[in-house]
Amino acid sequence: MLSAPEITEINALIAEIEKLIKPTSEIGARDKATLTSLLKANKETKVLKCFACKREYSDAIVLHFMKEKGVAKNRFHMKSQTSVYVLN
């Protein structure tokens, strides 16, 4: 179970991410260095925006946007990562 400060931290990050989410967005969690090289290798043209977070929070944040907002999970997503990213 999450404590009150942890919930506050997650909610602040969710509010920040919500500002960027569009119907065609994709969300996931991955460390930034690996993600940028994967996107470059796959010639991804979408714009990347990363948000630093604790490993324990990344899955909860991605799951929130998938269930509550209907955002698609990106194929490069991995569990327990140091950042959450949005591709627009």
Protein backbone atom coordinates (compact mmCIF):
# COMPACT_ATOMS: atom_id res chain seq x y z
CA MET A 1 0.00 0.00 0.00
CA LEU A 2 1.23 3.47 -0.84
CA SER A 3 1.67 6.18 1.78
CA ALA A 4 0.17 9.68 1.48
CA PRO A 5 3.42 11.34 0.27
CA GLU A 6 3.88 8.63 -2.37
CA ILE A 7 0.32 9.10 -3.62
CA THR A 8 0.87 12.87 -3.77
CA GLU A 9 4.06 12.35 -5.79
CA ILE A 10 2.34 9.97 -8.23
CA ASN A 11 -0.65 12.30 -8.64
CA ALA A 12 1.65 15.24 -9.41
CA LEU A 13 3.38 13.22 -12.12
CA ILE A 14 0.04 12.04 -13.53
CA ALA A 15 -1.19 15.64 -13.71
CA GLU A 16 1.97 16.65 -15.57
CA ILE A 17 1.61 13.79 -18.07
CA GLU A 18 -2.12 14.45 -18.62
CA LYS A 19 -1.26 17.81 -20.15
CA LEU A 20 0.51 16.04 -23.05
CA ILE A 21 -1.79 13.08 -23.66
CA LYS A 22 -3.68 13.05 -26.94
CA PRO A 23 -5.95 10.35 -28.41
CA THR A 24 -3.09 9.07 -30.58
CA SER A 25 -0.47 9.08 -27.82
CA GLU A 26 1.40 6.03 -26.59
CA ILE A 27 2.79 5.60 -23.07
CA GLY A 28 5.40 3.38 -21.53
CA ALA A 29 8.25 3.14 -19.06
CA ARG A 30 11.92 2.71 -19.99
CA ASP A 31 15.23 4.30 -19.12
CA LYS A 32 15.84 7.29 -21.36
CA ALA A 33 19.18 6.21 -22.87
CA THR A 34 17.89 2.83 -24.03
CA LEU A 35 14.61 4.28 -25.25
CA THR A 36 16.22 6.94 -27.44
CA SER A 37 18.45 4.35 -29.11
CA LEU A 38 15.47 2.01 -29.68
CA LEU A 39 13.43 4.82 -31.23
CA LYS A 40 16.32 5.86 -33.44
CA ALA A 41 16.93 2.28 -34.61
CA ASN A 42 13.24 1.85 -35.44
CA LYS A 43 13.05 5.24 -37.19
CA GLU A 44 10.21 6.41 -34.93
CA THR A 45 8.87 9.81 -36.02
CA LYS A 46 6.71 10.59 -32.98
CA VAL A 47 7.85 13.23 -30.49
CA LEU A 48 9.26 11.84 -27.24
CA LYS A 49 8.71 13.37 -23.80
CA CYS A 50 10.21 11.66 -20.71
CA PHE A 51 9.31 12.09 -17.04
CA ALA A 52 11.65 10.91 -14.30
CA CYS A 53 10.08 8.79 -11.59
CA LYS A 54 10.91 6.13 -9.03
CA ARG A 55 11.01 2.54 -10.29
CA GLU A 56 8.17 1.58 -7.94
CA TYR A 57 5.82 4.14 -9.51
CA SER A 58 6.35 3.56 -13.23
CA ASP A 59 3.98 0.60 -13.55
CA ALA A 60 1.20 2.31 -11.58
CA ILE A 61 1.41 5.43 -13.74
CA VAL A 62 1.38 3.55 -17.05
CA LEU A 63 -1.48 1.34 -15.85
CA HIS A 64 -3.49 4.41 -14.81
CA PHE A 65 -3.30 5.93 -18.28
CA MET A 66 -4.08 2.64 -19.99
CA LYS A 67 -7.16 1.88 -17.88
CA GLU A 68 -8.54 5.32 -17.06
CA LYS A 69 -7.64 7.27 -20.19
CA GLY A 70 -7.50 4.53 -22.84
CA VAL A 71 -3.95 5.38 -23.91
CA ALA A 72 -2.10 2.67 -25.84
CA LYS A 73 0.96 1.09 -24.26
CA ASN A 74 4.08 1.45 -26.40
CA ARG A 75 5.86 -1.72 -27.53
CA PHE A 76 9.13 -0.65 -25.85
CA HIS A 77 7.55 -0.54 -22.37
CA MET A 78 9.26 -2.45 -19.56
CA LYS A 79 8.30 -2.87 -15.90
CA SER A 80 10.04 -1.01 -13.07
CA GLN A 81 11.91 1.65 -15.02
CA THR A 82 13.39 5.03 -14.09
CA SER A 83 11.23 7.12 -16.40
CA VAL A 84 7.79 7.22 -17.94
CA TYR A 85 7.55 8.43 -21.52
CA VAL A 86 4.87 9.69 -23.86
CA LEU A 87 5.08 9.50 -27.65
CA ASN A 88 2.86 11.95 -29.56
